[in-house]
N, C-alpha and C. Protein backbone atom coordinates (compact mmCIF):
# COMPACT_ATOMS: atom_id res chain seq x y z
N MET A 1 -89.29 -11.84 -63.10
CA MET A 1 -89.58 -12.04 -61.39
C MET A 1 -88.67 -11.29 -60.67
N THR A 2 -89.10 -10.23 -59.74
CA THR A 2 -88.84 -9.00 -58.79
C THR A 2 -87.34 -10.20 -57.92
N GLU A 3 -86.72 -9.35 -57.73
CA GLU A 3 -85.51 -9.56 -56.32
C GLU A 3 -86.73 -10.15 -54.96
N PRO A 4 -87.27 -9.17 -54.20
CA PRO A 4 -88.25 -10.03 -53.30
C PRO A 4 -88.78 -11.51 -53.08
N SER A 5 -89.41 -11.02 -54.81
CA SER A 5 -90.37 -12.71 -54.64
C SER A 5 -89.32 -13.43 -55.13
N SER A 6 -88.30 -13.54 -55.52
CA SER A 6 -87.19 -14.82 -55.95
C SER A 6 -86.46 -14.55 -54.14
N HIS A 7 -86.19 -14.13 -53.35
CA HIS A 7 -85.71 -14.30 -51.92
C HIS A 7 -86.66 -15.11 -51.44
N LEU A 8 -88.34 -14.69 -51.55
CA LEU A 8 -89.61 -15.79 -50.77
C LEU A 8 -89.60 -16.93 -51.39
N ASP A 9 -89.19 -17.04 -52.78
CA ASP A 9 -89.66 -18.32 -53.52
C ASP A 9 -88.41 -19.27 -52.97
N THR A 10 -86.87 -18.56 -53.06
CA THR A 10 -86.29 -19.41 -52.61
C THR A 10 -86.33 -20.07 -51.18
N THR A 11 -86.49 -19.42 -49.59
CA THR A 11 -87.18 -19.14 -48.93
C THR A 11 -88.10 -20.52 -48.66
N ALA A 12 -89.19 -20.48 -49.34
CA ALA A 12 -90.57 -21.40 -49.44
C ALA A 12 -89.74 -22.80 -49.40
N ASP A 13 -89.21 -22.67 -50.87
CA ASP A 13 -88.68 -23.68 -51.01
C ASP A 13 -87.58 -24.46 -50.30
N ALA A 14 -86.99 -23.93 -49.73
CA ALA A 14 -85.89 -24.69 -48.87
C ALA A 14 -86.59 -24.95 -47.99
N TYR A 15 -87.42 -24.23 -47.16
CA TYR A 15 -87.97 -25.14 -45.96
C TYR A 15 -89.08 -25.96 -46.11
N ASP A 16 -89.51 -26.03 -47.20
CA ASP A 16 -90.32 -27.24 -47.74
C ASP A 16 -89.69 -28.54 -48.14
N SER A 17 -88.25 -28.56 -48.87
CA SER A 17 -87.61 -29.44 -48.45
C SER A 17 -86.74 -29.64 -47.43
N PHE A 18 -87.01 -29.31 -46.41
CA PHE A 18 -86.13 -29.34 -44.92
C PHE A 18 -87.43 -29.73 -43.65
N ALA A 19 -88.62 -29.54 -44.16
CA ALA A 19 -89.57 -29.82 -43.22
C ALA A 19 -89.64 -30.82 -42.35
N VAL A 20 -89.56 -32.03 -42.95
CA VAL A 20 -89.75 -33.22 -41.72
C VAL A 20 -88.28 -33.25 -41.02
N VAL A 21 -87.43 -33.07 -41.34
CA VAL A 21 -86.22 -32.99 -40.48
C VAL A 21 -86.37 -31.81 -39.82
N TYR A 22 -86.46 -30.66 -40.34
CA TYR A 22 -86.48 -29.77 -39.32
C TYR A 22 -87.90 -29.64 -37.89
N ALA A 23 -88.92 -29.81 -38.60
CA ALA A 23 -90.44 -30.86 -37.22
C ALA A 23 -89.17 -31.45 -36.06
N GLU A 24 -88.60 -32.14 -36.83
CA GLU A 24 -88.32 -33.09 -36.15
C GLU A 24 -87.08 -32.62 -34.86
N PHE A 25 -86.43 -32.12 -35.58
CA PHE A 25 -85.35 -31.53 -34.65
C PHE A 25 -85.94 -30.41 -33.78
N ALA A 26 -87.13 -29.32 -34.15
CA ALA A 26 -87.63 -28.37 -33.29
C ALA A 26 -88.70 -28.77 -31.98
N ARG A 27 -89.04 -30.24 -32.31
CA ARG A 27 -90.21 -30.92 -31.53
C ARG A 27 -89.89 -30.36 -30.36
N ASN A 28 -88.93 -30.14 -29.36
CA ASN A 28 -88.68 -30.08 -28.02
C ASN A 28 -88.13 -29.03 -27.80
N TYR A 29 -87.59 -28.09 -28.51
CA TYR A 29 -86.44 -27.76 -28.75
C TYR A 29 -86.03 -26.70 -27.49
N LEU A 30 -87.53 -26.28 -27.04
CA LEU A 30 -87.40 -25.27 -25.69
C LEU A 30 -87.27 -25.79 -24.51
N ASP A 31 -87.49 -27.43 -24.59
CA ASP A 31 -86.82 -27.52 -23.11
C ASP A 31 -85.70 -27.21 -22.42
N PRO A 32 -84.46 -27.46 -23.11
CA PRO A 32 -83.08 -26.94 -22.11
C PRO A 32 -83.01 -25.03 -22.50
N LEU A 33 -84.07 -23.91 -22.60
CA LEU A 33 -83.84 -23.02 -22.72
C LEU A 33 -84.51 -22.37 -21.79
N PRO A 34 -84.39 -22.38 -20.38
CA PRO A 34 -84.95 -21.17 -19.42
C PRO A 34 -85.31 -19.97 -19.77
N LEU A 35 -84.12 -19.12 -20.41
CA LEU A 35 -84.08 -17.84 -20.43
C LEU A 35 -84.84 -17.30 -21.96
N ASP A 36 -84.99 -18.75 -22.76
CA ASP A 36 -85.66 -18.10 -23.87
C ASP A 36 -86.95 -18.42 -23.54
N ARG A 37 -87.80 -19.42 -22.81
CA ARG A 37 -89.34 -19.65 -22.00
C ARG A 37 -89.64 -18.52 -21.58
N ALA A 38 -88.71 -17.68 -20.48
CA ALA A 38 -88.90 -16.57 -19.53
C ALA A 38 -89.73 -15.43 -20.83
N ILE A 39 -88.59 -15.23 -21.96
CA ILE A 39 -88.96 -14.16 -22.53
C ILE A 39 -90.60 -14.44 -23.47
N LEU A 40 -90.45 -15.80 -23.56
CA LEU A 40 -92.12 -15.93 -24.29
C LEU A 40 -92.94 -15.51 -23.37
N ALA A 41 -92.98 -15.97 -22.15
CA ALA A 41 -93.93 -16.34 -20.72
C ALA A 41 -94.34 -14.84 -20.92
N ALA A 42 -93.32 -14.11 -20.77
CA ALA A 42 -93.33 -12.18 -20.54
C ALA A 42 -93.90 -11.81 -21.67
N PHE A 43 -94.00 -12.22 -22.73
CA PHE A 43 -94.75 -11.51 -23.98
C PHE A 43 -96.32 -12.40 -23.96
N ALA A 44 -96.46 -13.84 -23.35
CA ALA A 44 -97.73 -14.11 -22.82
C ALA A 44 -98.47 -13.61 -22.20
N GLU A 45 -97.99 -13.56 -20.96
CA GLU A 45 -98.46 -12.34 -20.02
C GLU A 45 -99.26 -10.77 -20.45
N LEU A 46 -98.35 -10.34 -21.43
CA LEU A 46 -98.66 -8.76 -22.10
C LEU A 46 -99.86 -9.08 -22.72
N VAL A 47 -99.69 -10.57 -24.09
CA VAL A 47 -101.12 -10.34 -24.66
C VAL A 47 -101.72 -10.98 -24.49
N ARG A 48 -101.91 -12.17 -23.21
CA ARG A 48 -102.98 -13.15 -22.98
C ARG A 48 -104.36 -12.08 -22.56
N ASP A 49 -105.50 -12.35 -23.07
CA ASP A 49 -107.16 -11.74 -22.86
C ASP A 49 -107.04 -10.79 -23.91
N THR A 50 -106.06 -10.22 -24.65
CA THR A 50 -106.05 -9.12 -24.97
C THR A 50 -106.57 -9.01 -26.26
N GLY A 51 -106.89 -10.31 -27.24
CA GLY A 51 -107.26 -10.56 -28.83
C GLY A 51 -106.23 -11.29 -29.43
N PRO A 52 -106.55 -11.70 -30.76
CA PRO A 52 -105.77 -12.64 -31.22
C PRO A 52 -104.40 -12.24 -31.65
N VAL A 53 -103.19 -13.07 -31.35
CA VAL A 53 -102.01 -13.28 -31.47
C VAL A 53 -101.62 -13.81 -32.82
N ALA A 54 -100.82 -13.76 -33.93
CA ALA A 54 -99.75 -14.26 -34.54
C ALA A 54 -98.83 -14.69 -34.83
N GLU A 55 -97.82 -15.88 -34.44
CA GLU A 55 -96.91 -16.03 -34.93
C GLU A 55 -96.57 -16.42 -36.61
N LEU A 56 -95.40 -15.56 -36.53
CA LEU A 56 -95.35 -15.55 -38.21
C LEU A 56 -93.80 -15.98 -38.57
N GLY A 57 -93.95 -16.90 -39.29
CA GLY A 57 -92.75 -17.57 -39.08
C GLY A 57 -92.88 -18.90 -38.59
N CYS A 58 -94.00 -19.39 -38.21
CA CYS A 58 -94.30 -20.71 -37.35
C CYS A 58 -93.74 -21.88 -37.35
N GLY A 59 -93.57 -22.23 -38.36
CA GLY A 59 -92.26 -23.40 -38.99
C GLY A 59 -93.68 -24.55 -38.76
N PRO A 60 -93.38 -25.48 -38.14
CA PRO A 60 -93.82 -26.97 -38.05
C PRO A 60 -95.10 -26.62 -36.48
N GLY A 61 -94.75 -25.33 -35.58
CA GLY A 61 -96.12 -24.67 -34.93
C GLY A 61 -95.92 -25.14 -33.99
N GLN A 62 -94.52 -25.63 -33.38
CA GLN A 62 -94.40 -26.06 -31.93
C GLN A 62 -94.21 -24.26 -31.22
N THR A 63 -93.81 -23.42 -31.48
CA THR A 63 -93.94 -22.06 -30.80
C THR A 63 -95.17 -21.56 -30.38
N THR A 64 -96.01 -22.16 -31.78
CA THR A 64 -97.03 -21.12 -31.47
C THR A 64 -97.96 -22.36 -30.93
N ALA A 65 -97.94 -23.55 -30.27
CA ALA A 65 -98.66 -24.42 -29.47
C ALA A 65 -98.15 -24.79 -28.37
N HIS A 66 -96.77 -23.34 -27.46
CA HIS A 66 -96.26 -22.75 -26.77
C HIS A 66 -97.31 -22.06 -26.43
N LEU A 67 -97.15 -21.15 -27.29
CA LEU A 67 -98.10 -19.89 -26.41
C LEU A 67 -99.29 -20.04 -26.28
N ARG A 68 -99.90 -21.27 -26.94
CA ARG A 68 -101.22 -21.68 -26.94
C ARG A 68 -101.79 -22.27 -25.13
N ASP A 69 -100.38 -23.06 -25.27
CA ASP A 69 -100.26 -23.54 -23.50
C ASP A 69 -100.07 -22.38 -22.97
N LEU A 70 -99.88 -21.43 -22.87
CA LEU A 70 -99.61 -20.10 -22.21
C LEU A 70 -100.69 -19.46 -22.05
N GLY A 71 -102.01 -19.68 -22.93
CA GLY A 71 -103.37 -18.90 -22.16
C GLY A 71 -103.05 -18.10 -23.38
N VAL A 72 -102.56 -17.70 -24.53
CA VAL A 72 -102.68 -17.04 -25.57
C VAL A 72 -103.63 -17.59 -26.66
N ASP A 73 -104.08 -16.67 -27.15
CA ASP A 73 -105.58 -16.56 -28.30
C ASP A 73 -103.99 -16.94 -29.62
N VAL A 74 -103.71 -17.94 -30.06
CA VAL A 74 -102.56 -17.59 -31.18
C VAL A 74 -102.48 -18.37 -32.26
N PHE A 75 -102.57 -17.87 -34.00
CA PHE A 75 -102.69 -18.43 -35.02
C PHE A 75 -101.39 -18.37 -35.19
N GLY A 76 -100.66 -19.22 -36.26
CA GLY A 76 -99.91 -19.24 -37.54
C GLY A 76 -99.81 -19.26 -38.51
N VAL A 77 -98.82 -18.37 -39.15
CA VAL A 77 -98.34 -18.29 -40.64
C VAL A 77 -97.24 -18.04 -40.80
N ASP A 78 -96.79 -18.97 -42.13
CA ASP A 78 -95.42 -19.61 -42.51
C ASP A 78 -95.78 -19.26 -44.26
N LEU A 79 -94.33 -19.20 -44.35
CA LEU A 79 -94.30 -19.45 -45.87
C LEU A 79 -94.46 -20.27 -47.06
N SER A 80 -94.23 -21.59 -45.82
CA SER A 80 -93.64 -22.88 -46.61
C SER A 80 -94.93 -23.75 -46.64
N PRO A 81 -95.90 -24.21 -47.27
CA PRO A 81 -96.67 -25.28 -47.29
C PRO A 81 -96.39 -26.21 -46.91
N LYS A 82 -95.63 -26.72 -46.68
CA LYS A 82 -95.00 -28.22 -45.89
C LYS A 82 -94.84 -28.22 -44.91
N MET A 83 -94.37 -26.57 -44.34
CA MET A 83 -94.69 -26.82 -43.00
C MET A 83 -95.55 -26.46 -42.34
N ILE A 84 -96.32 -25.99 -42.83
CA ILE A 84 -98.36 -25.77 -42.55
C ILE A 84 -98.95 -26.68 -42.31
N ASP A 85 -98.48 -27.77 -43.33
CA ASP A 85 -99.49 -28.98 -43.73
C ASP A 85 -98.80 -29.67 -42.08
N ILE A 86 -97.64 -29.77 -41.48
CA ILE A 86 -97.30 -30.65 -40.75
C ILE A 86 -97.73 -29.66 -39.28
N ALA A 87 -97.65 -28.59 -39.39
CA ALA A 87 -98.00 -28.32 -38.12
C ALA A 87 -99.74 -28.23 -37.97
N ARG A 88 -100.44 -28.29 -38.93
CA ARG A 88 -101.96 -28.63 -38.96
C ARG A 88 -102.38 -29.68 -38.53
N GLU A 89 -101.37 -30.87 -39.37
CA GLU A 89 -101.10 -32.50 -38.66
C GLU A 89 -100.97 -32.23 -36.89
N THR A 90 -100.41 -31.93 -36.86
CA THR A 90 -99.37 -32.11 -35.65
C THR A 90 -100.19 -31.64 -34.42
N TYR A 91 -101.02 -30.41 -34.91
CA TYR A 91 -101.90 -29.06 -33.78
C TYR A 91 -103.19 -28.52 -34.39
N PRO A 92 -103.92 -29.74 -34.45
CA PRO A 92 -105.10 -29.85 -35.08
C PRO A 92 -106.27 -29.28 -34.42
N ASP A 93 -106.33 -28.96 -33.19
CA ASP A 93 -106.86 -27.45 -32.46
C ASP A 93 -106.34 -26.39 -32.76
N LEU A 94 -105.47 -26.01 -33.32
CA LEU A 94 -104.90 -24.26 -33.74
C LEU A 94 -105.23 -24.21 -35.42
N ARG A 95 -105.17 -23.08 -35.26
CA ARG A 95 -105.01 -22.46 -36.85
C ARG A 95 -103.44 -22.33 -37.42
N PHE A 96 -103.31 -22.11 -38.62
CA PHE A 96 -102.54 -22.37 -39.23
C PHE A 96 -102.92 -21.75 -40.85
N GLU A 97 -101.78 -20.90 -41.33
CA GLU A 97 -102.20 -20.42 -42.66
C GLU A 97 -101.14 -19.90 -43.49
N VAL A 98 -100.64 -20.21 -44.84
CA VAL A 98 -99.58 -20.30 -45.47
C VAL A 98 -99.72 -18.65 -46.01
N GLY A 99 -98.69 -18.07 -46.08
CA GLY A 99 -98.22 -16.52 -45.68
C GLY A 99 -97.27 -16.10 -45.86
N SER A 100 -97.08 -15.09 -46.22
CA SER A 100 -95.74 -14.16 -46.16
C SER A 100 -95.63 -13.10 -45.11
N MET A 101 -94.74 -12.93 -44.15
CA MET A 101 -94.92 -11.85 -43.44
C MET A 101 -94.95 -10.86 -43.70
N ASP A 102 -94.48 -10.04 -44.96
CA ASP A 102 -94.55 -9.04 -45.57
C ASP A 102 -95.36 -8.36 -46.48
N ALA A 103 -96.69 -9.18 -46.60
CA ALA A 103 -97.77 -8.86 -47.05
C ALA A 103 -98.89 -9.72 -46.27
N LEU A 104 -99.23 -9.47 -45.45
CA LEU A 104 -100.06 -10.55 -44.81
C LEU A 104 -101.66 -10.26 -44.82
N ASP A 105 -102.70 -11.62 -45.03
CA ASP A 105 -103.86 -11.46 -45.51
C ASP A 105 -104.69 -10.96 -44.33
N LEU A 106 -104.46 -9.84 -43.67
CA LEU A 106 -105.12 -9.42 -42.46
C LEU A 106 -105.49 -8.22 -42.34
N ALA A 107 -106.70 -7.58 -41.48
CA ALA A 107 -106.68 -6.24 -41.52
C ALA A 107 -105.97 -5.36 -41.04
N ASP A 108 -105.94 -4.13 -41.24
CA ASP A 108 -105.13 -2.96 -40.25
C ASP A 108 -106.17 -3.07 -38.88
N ASP A 109 -105.06 -3.29 -38.19
CA ASP A 109 -105.36 -3.06 -36.53
C ASP A 109 -105.66 -4.41 -36.12
N GLU A 110 -105.53 -5.72 -36.71
CA GLU A 110 -106.29 -6.40 -36.49
C GLU A 110 -105.94 -7.88 -35.25
N LEU A 111 -104.32 -7.46 -35.15
CA LEU A 111 -103.53 -8.35 -34.11
C LEU A 111 -103.67 -7.58 -32.94
N ARG A 112 -103.57 -7.66 -31.90
CA ARG A 112 -103.27 -7.72 -30.28
C ARG A 112 -101.42 -8.37 -30.02
N GLY A 113 -100.92 -8.93 -31.02
CA GLY A 113 -99.54 -9.25 -30.42
C GLY A 113 -99.06 -10.52 -31.76
N ILE A 114 -97.53 -9.79 -32.24
CA ILE A 114 -97.22 -11.01 -33.07
C ILE A 114 -95.73 -11.21 -32.72
N LEU A 115 -95.76 -12.38 -32.66
CA LEU A 115 -93.88 -13.12 -31.82
C LEU A 115 -93.66 -13.42 -33.64
N ALA A 116 -92.38 -13.12 -33.72
CA ALA A 116 -91.14 -13.40 -34.70
C ALA A 116 -90.24 -13.45 -34.32
N TRP A 117 -90.74 -15.62 -34.48
CA TRP A 117 -89.21 -15.88 -33.47
C TRP A 117 -88.16 -16.67 -34.64
N TYR A 118 -87.31 -16.10 -34.51
CA TYR A 118 -86.11 -16.44 -35.71
C TYR A 118 -86.80 -16.56 -36.92
N SER A 119 -87.76 -15.54 -37.44
CA SER A 119 -88.41 -15.99 -38.65
C SER A 119 -87.77 -14.56 -39.60
N VAL A 120 -87.40 -13.75 -39.10
CA VAL A 120 -87.19 -12.47 -39.98
C VAL A 120 -85.46 -12.52 -40.11
N ILE A 121 -85.24 -13.43 -40.00
CA ILE A 121 -83.73 -13.80 -39.72
C ILE A 121 -83.26 -13.94 -41.67
N HIS A 122 -84.36 -14.66 -42.39
CA HIS A 122 -83.77 -14.73 -43.72
C HIS A 122 -84.25 -13.45 -44.21
N ALA A 123 -84.95 -12.54 -44.02
CA ALA A 123 -85.32 -11.33 -44.72
C ALA A 123 -83.98 -10.36 -45.25
N PRO A 124 -83.79 -10.42 -46.41
CA PRO A 124 -82.17 -9.64 -46.61
C PRO A 124 -82.70 -8.09 -45.98
N PRO A 125 -81.36 -7.36 -45.34
CA PRO A 125 -81.39 -6.27 -44.61
C PRO A 125 -82.03 -5.10 -45.45
N ARG A 126 -82.35 -4.98 -46.42
CA ARG A 126 -82.75 -3.68 -47.19
C ARG A 126 -84.06 -4.04 -46.81
N GLU A 127 -84.64 -5.09 -46.48
CA GLU A 127 -86.31 -5.51 -46.66
C GLU A 127 -86.94 -5.22 -45.13
N MET A 128 -85.99 -5.49 -44.77
CA MET A 128 -86.40 -5.24 -42.76
C MET A 128 -87.30 -3.82 -42.89
N PRO A 129 -87.23 -2.94 -43.35
CA PRO A 129 -88.19 -1.94 -42.80
C PRO A 129 -89.47 -1.90 -43.11
N ALA A 130 -89.48 -2.70 -44.14
CA ALA A 130 -91.14 -3.08 -45.05
C ALA A 130 -91.97 -4.11 -44.15
N TYR A 131 -90.64 -5.15 -43.48
CA TYR A 131 -91.36 -6.01 -42.54
C TYR A 131 -91.99 -5.42 -41.34
N PHE A 132 -91.28 -4.41 -41.13
CA PHE A 132 -91.37 -3.49 -39.38
C PHE A 132 -92.60 -2.97 -40.15
N ALA A 133 -92.83 -2.63 -41.22
CA ALA A 133 -93.98 -1.56 -41.54
C ALA A 133 -95.68 -2.24 -41.45
N GLU A 134 -94.90 -3.53 -41.84
CA GLU A 134 -96.32 -4.33 -41.97
C GLU A 134 -96.47 -5.01 -40.75
N PHE A 135 -95.59 -5.10 -39.84
CA PHE A 135 -96.04 -5.87 -38.60
C PHE A 135 -97.04 -4.25 -37.75
N ARG A 136 -96.34 -2.85 -38.21
CA ARG A 136 -96.99 -2.00 -37.65
C ARG A 136 -98.69 -2.00 -38.08
N ARG A 137 -98.61 -2.26 -39.53
CA ARG A 137 -99.94 -1.67 -39.87
C ARG A 137 -101.06 -2.78 -39.10
N VAL A 138 -100.65 -4.29 -39.11
CA VAL A 138 -101.62 -5.24 -38.64
C VAL A 138 -101.53 -5.33 -37.00
N LEU A 139 -101.17 -4.38 -36.48
CA LEU A 139 -101.02 -4.47 -34.90
C LEU A 139 -101.62 -3.83 -34.34
N ALA A 140 -102.91 -3.87 -33.43
CA ALA A 140 -103.79 -2.73 -33.06
C ALA A 140 -102.63 -1.50 -32.13
N PRO A 141 -102.98 -0.25 -31.99
CA PRO A 141 -102.29 0.57 -30.69
C PRO A 141 -102.14 -0.13 -29.75
N GLY A 142 -101.18 -0.53 -28.98
CA GLY A 142 -100.80 -0.72 -27.73
C GLY A 142 -100.62 -2.27 -27.91
N GLY A 143 -100.40 -2.68 -29.31
CA GLY A 143 -100.07 -4.45 -29.13
C GLY A 143 -98.70 -4.36 -29.25
N HIS A 144 -97.96 -5.92 -29.06
CA HIS A 144 -96.84 -6.18 -28.59
C HIS A 144 -96.43 -6.92 -29.48
N LEU A 145 -94.84 -6.73 -29.66
CA LEU A 145 -94.21 -7.35 -31.02
C LEU A 145 -92.56 -8.29 -29.83
N LEU A 146 -92.78 -9.10 -29.94
CA LEU A 146 -91.52 -9.50 -30.22
C LEU A 146 -90.80 -10.79 -30.69
N LEU A 147 -89.35 -10.16 -31.23
CA LEU A 147 -88.38 -10.68 -32.18
C LEU A 147 -87.74 -11.75 -31.35
N GLY A 148 -87.22 -12.78 -32.12
CA GLY A 148 -86.17 -13.47 -31.85
C GLY A 148 -85.43 -13.83 -32.98
N PHE A 149 -84.05 -13.64 -33.00
CA PHE A 149 -83.34 -13.74 -33.91
C PHE A 149 -81.69 -13.58 -33.49
N PHE A 150 -80.59 -14.38 -34.31
CA PHE A 150 -79.33 -14.43 -34.33
C PHE A 150 -78.56 -12.87 -34.22
N GLU A 151 -77.74 -12.72 -32.51
CA GLU A 151 -77.10 -11.91 -32.78
C GLU A 151 -76.02 -11.67 -33.37
N SER A 152 -75.13 -10.40 -33.41
CA SER A 152 -74.40 -10.22 -34.44
C SER A 152 -72.55 -10.55 -33.42
N GLY A 153 -72.83 -9.76 -32.20
CA GLY A 153 -72.17 -9.81 -31.12
C GLY A 153 -71.04 -8.12 -31.55
N GLY A 154 -71.81 -7.28 -32.11
CA GLY A 154 -71.28 -6.19 -32.22
C GLY A 154 -70.66 -5.87 -33.90
N ASP A 155 -70.21 -6.99 -34.80
CA ASP A 155 -70.25 -6.67 -35.51
C ASP A 155 -71.70 -6.51 -36.80
N PRO A 156 -71.13 -5.86 -37.82
CA PRO A 156 -72.26 -5.17 -38.44
C PRO A 156 -73.44 -6.39 -38.90
N VAL A 157 -74.54 -6.13 -39.75
CA VAL A 157 -75.11 -6.78 -40.22
C VAL A 157 -74.60 -8.16 -40.87
N THR A 158 -74.75 -9.32 -40.95
CA THR A 158 -73.74 -10.67 -41.15
C THR A 158 -74.04 -11.55 -41.96
N PRO A 159 -74.30 -11.78 -42.98
CA PRO A 159 -75.18 -13.52 -43.87
C PRO A 159 -74.42 -14.21 -42.88
N PHE A 160 -74.75 -15.43 -43.25
CA PHE A 160 -74.23 -16.55 -42.40
C PHE A 160 -74.45 -17.84 -42.70
N ASP A 161 -74.73 -19.13 -42.68
CA ASP A 161 -74.52 -20.44 -43.93
C ASP A 161 -75.73 -21.25 -42.03
N HIS A 162 -77.23 -20.52 -42.80
CA HIS A 162 -77.86 -21.37 -42.15
C HIS A 162 -78.06 -22.67 -42.61
N ARG A 163 -78.89 -23.78 -41.73
CA ARG A 163 -78.74 -25.08 -42.08
C ARG A 163 -79.66 -24.91 -43.15
N VAL A 164 -80.75 -23.94 -43.16
CA VAL A 164 -81.44 -24.56 -44.45
C VAL A 164 -81.67 -23.13 -45.72
N THR A 165 -81.23 -22.31 -45.11
CA THR A 165 -81.15 -20.94 -46.34
C THR A 165 -80.58 -19.58 -45.94
N THR A 166 -79.87 -19.31 -46.71
CA THR A 166 -78.83 -17.87 -45.69
C THR A 166 -79.86 -17.20 -45.00
N ALA A 167 -79.07 -17.14 -43.85
CA ALA A 167 -79.77 -15.78 -43.12
C ALA A 167 -78.67 -14.66 -42.43
N TYR A 168 -78.98 -13.92 -41.95
CA TYR A 168 -78.61 -12.92 -41.08
C TYR A 168 -78.15 -12.45 -40.00
N ARG A 169 -77.38 -11.83 -39.26
CA ARG A 169 -76.91 -11.56 -37.69
C ARG A 169 -77.08 -10.32 -37.55
N TRP A 170 -77.59 -9.38 -36.40
CA TRP A 170 -78.50 -8.51 -36.50
C TRP A 170 -77.47 -8.22 -35.36
N PRO A 171 -77.11 -6.87 -35.42
CA PRO A 171 -76.57 -5.83 -33.77
C PRO A 171 -78.15 -5.78 -33.03
N ILE A 172 -77.72 -5.82 -31.84
CA ILE A 172 -79.25 -5.72 -31.46
C ILE A 172 -79.78 -3.92 -31.59
N ASP A 173 -78.88 -3.38 -31.44
CA ASP A 173 -79.25 -1.61 -31.42
C ASP A 173 -79.86 -1.48 -32.97
N GLU A 174 -79.09 -2.16 -33.82
CA GLU A 174 -80.20 -1.68 -35.16
C GLU A 174 -80.90 -2.09 -35.63
N LEU A 175 -81.18 -3.05 -35.26
CA LEU A 175 -82.49 -3.87 -35.46
C LEU A 175 -83.17 -2.77 -34.63
N ALA A 176 -83.11 -2.76 -33.10
CA ALA A 176 -84.18 -1.74 -32.40
C ALA A 176 -84.34 -0.69 -33.47
N LYS A 177 -83.21 -0.05 -33.90
CA LYS A 177 -83.58 1.26 -34.41
C LYS A 177 -84.96 1.30 -35.35
N LEU A 178 -84.20 0.35 -36.36
CA LEU A 178 -85.49 -0.08 -37.39
C LEU A 178 -86.71 -0.17 -36.86
N ALA A 179 -86.97 -0.94 -35.87
CA ALA A 179 -88.31 -1.03 -35.35
C ALA A 179 -88.96 0.36 -34.65
N ALA A 180 -87.78 0.80 -34.14
CA ALA A 180 -88.28 2.59 -33.72
C ALA A 180 -88.87 3.57 -35.10
N ASP A 181 -87.71 3.25 -36.07
CA ASP A 181 -88.40 3.89 -37.20
C ASP A 181 -89.76 3.91 -37.65
N ALA A 182 -90.11 2.80 -37.14
CA ALA A 182 -91.30 2.26 -37.68
C ALA A 182 -92.37 2.20 -36.65
N GLY A 183 -92.22 3.07 -35.45
CA GLY A 183 -93.31 3.32 -34.40
C GLY A 183 -93.28 2.58 -33.19
N PHE A 184 -92.39 1.93 -33.51
CA PHE A 184 -92.75 0.90 -32.54
C PHE A 184 -91.44 1.28 -31.02
N LEU A 185 -91.80 1.12 -29.49
CA LEU A 185 -91.22 1.37 -28.50
C LEU A 185 -90.88 0.67 -27.81
N GLU A 186 -89.47 -0.01 -27.18
CA GLU A 186 -89.07 -1.01 -27.17
C GLU A 186 -89.19 -1.05 -25.44
N ILE A 187 -89.51 -2.16 -24.94
CA ILE A 187 -90.11 -2.61 -23.33
C ILE A 187 -88.77 -3.29 -22.92
N GLY A 188 -88.43 -4.18 -23.63
CA GLY A 188 -87.43 -5.18 -23.23
C GLY A 188 -86.64 -5.76 -23.93
N ARG A 189 -84.88 -6.14 -23.47
CA ARG A 189 -84.54 -7.17 -24.28
C ARG A 189 -83.39 -7.73 -23.73
N MET A 190 -83.44 -9.07 -24.22
CA MET A 190 -82.42 -9.88 -23.53
C MET A 190 -81.44 -10.84 -24.40
N LEU A 191 -80.25 -10.21 -23.78
CA LEU A 191 -79.22 -11.19 -24.82
C LEU A 191 -78.78 -12.71 -23.84
N ARG A 192 -78.57 -13.62 -25.17
CA ARG A 192 -78.09 -14.96 -24.53
C ARG A 192 -76.90 -15.36 -25.39
N GLU A 193 -76.14 -15.75 -24.62
CA GLU A 193 -74.77 -16.21 -25.14
C GLU A 193 -74.78 -18.05 -25.81
N PRO A 194 -74.09 -18.43 -27.01
CA PRO A 194 -74.48 -19.53 -27.29
C PRO A 194 -74.25 -20.80 -26.08
N LEU A 195 -75.12 -21.67 -26.34
CA LEU A 195 -75.06 -22.72 -25.33
C LEU A 195 -74.42 -24.02 -26.21
N GLU A 196 -73.90 -25.43 -25.80
CA GLU A 196 -72.79 -25.86 -26.66
C GLU A 196 -74.12 -26.26 -27.55
N GLY A 197 -73.02 -26.16 -28.96
CA GLY A 197 -73.82 -26.78 -30.05
C GLY A 197 -74.51 -25.35 -30.47
N GLU A 198 -74.59 -24.37 -30.08
CA GLU A 198 -75.34 -23.74 -30.35
C GLU A 198 -73.91 -22.71 -30.91
N ARG A 199 -74.02 -21.65 -32.20
CA ARG A 199 -72.36 -20.90 -32.84
C ARG A 199 -72.97 -19.13 -32.43
N PHE A 200 -73.70 -18.91 -31.88
CA PHE A 200 -74.15 -17.64 -32.13
C PHE A 200 -74.59 -16.99 -30.75
N ARG A 201 -74.70 -15.73 -30.50
CA ARG A 201 -75.39 -15.22 -29.53
C ARG A 201 -76.86 -15.23 -29.89
N ARG A 202 -77.48 -15.30 -29.01
CA ARG A 202 -79.27 -15.07 -29.62
C ARG A 202 -79.78 -13.68 -28.82
N GLY A 203 -80.47 -12.90 -30.14
CA GLY A 203 -81.10 -11.71 -29.52
C GLY A 203 -82.66 -11.66 -28.96
N HIS A 204 -83.02 -10.89 -28.92
CA HIS A 204 -84.64 -10.86 -28.15
C HIS A 204 -85.10 -9.55 -27.71
N LEU A 205 -85.89 -8.85 -28.73
CA LEU A 205 -86.59 -7.73 -28.61
C LEU A 205 -87.95 -7.63 -28.45
N LEU A 206 -88.52 -6.85 -26.86
CA LEU A 206 -89.96 -7.13 -26.91
C LEU A 206 -90.29 -5.65 -27.12
N MET A 207 -91.53 -5.25 -27.66
CA MET A 207 -91.43 -3.60 -28.15
C MET A 207 -93.42 -3.77 -28.15
N ARG A 208 -93.43 -2.78 -28.09
CA ARG A 208 -95.28 -1.98 -27.86
C ARG A 208 -95.48 -1.20 -29.34
């Protein structure tokens, strides 16, 4: 088995085993996060009425539903079949599919927007350029990408003990450069300091 497949299998299995607990934990997670809601609202305003939008790494679907409530034509994709089962049961009016964000079952230029909300965090750093290349492939010209991730606070890319499986904290400038190398133009960024109960600074990159 190749190393990338091993990484994907490990991530899918970890989220499958944690799916029910994770879904309950994440149910209303945006309620105390006005800055996070604000950048999601900005993204929604940019992609609303432009065409289909995908949340890649949608988990149990709560952020996909949040975008739907903001008027976005959105569907969700996740590596974990059990997460997708929960999402479909919780939000039967929305479309959810099992898939990997590095090899999407989508045509070139099919999407007008991509939300990767704390989902690229499990990608080994050497694989991140391939993820950006796939995002670029499926996004139509002028389409928008919003990333949410754990920011390293000036340190190099750093693995940490995420509660589900190994994840990585990124310097925001380095992640922005990888996106730029793949053909994305940065529109804006937002850094948020950790709240009580959070360990790390949160990074957000909005790109076209």
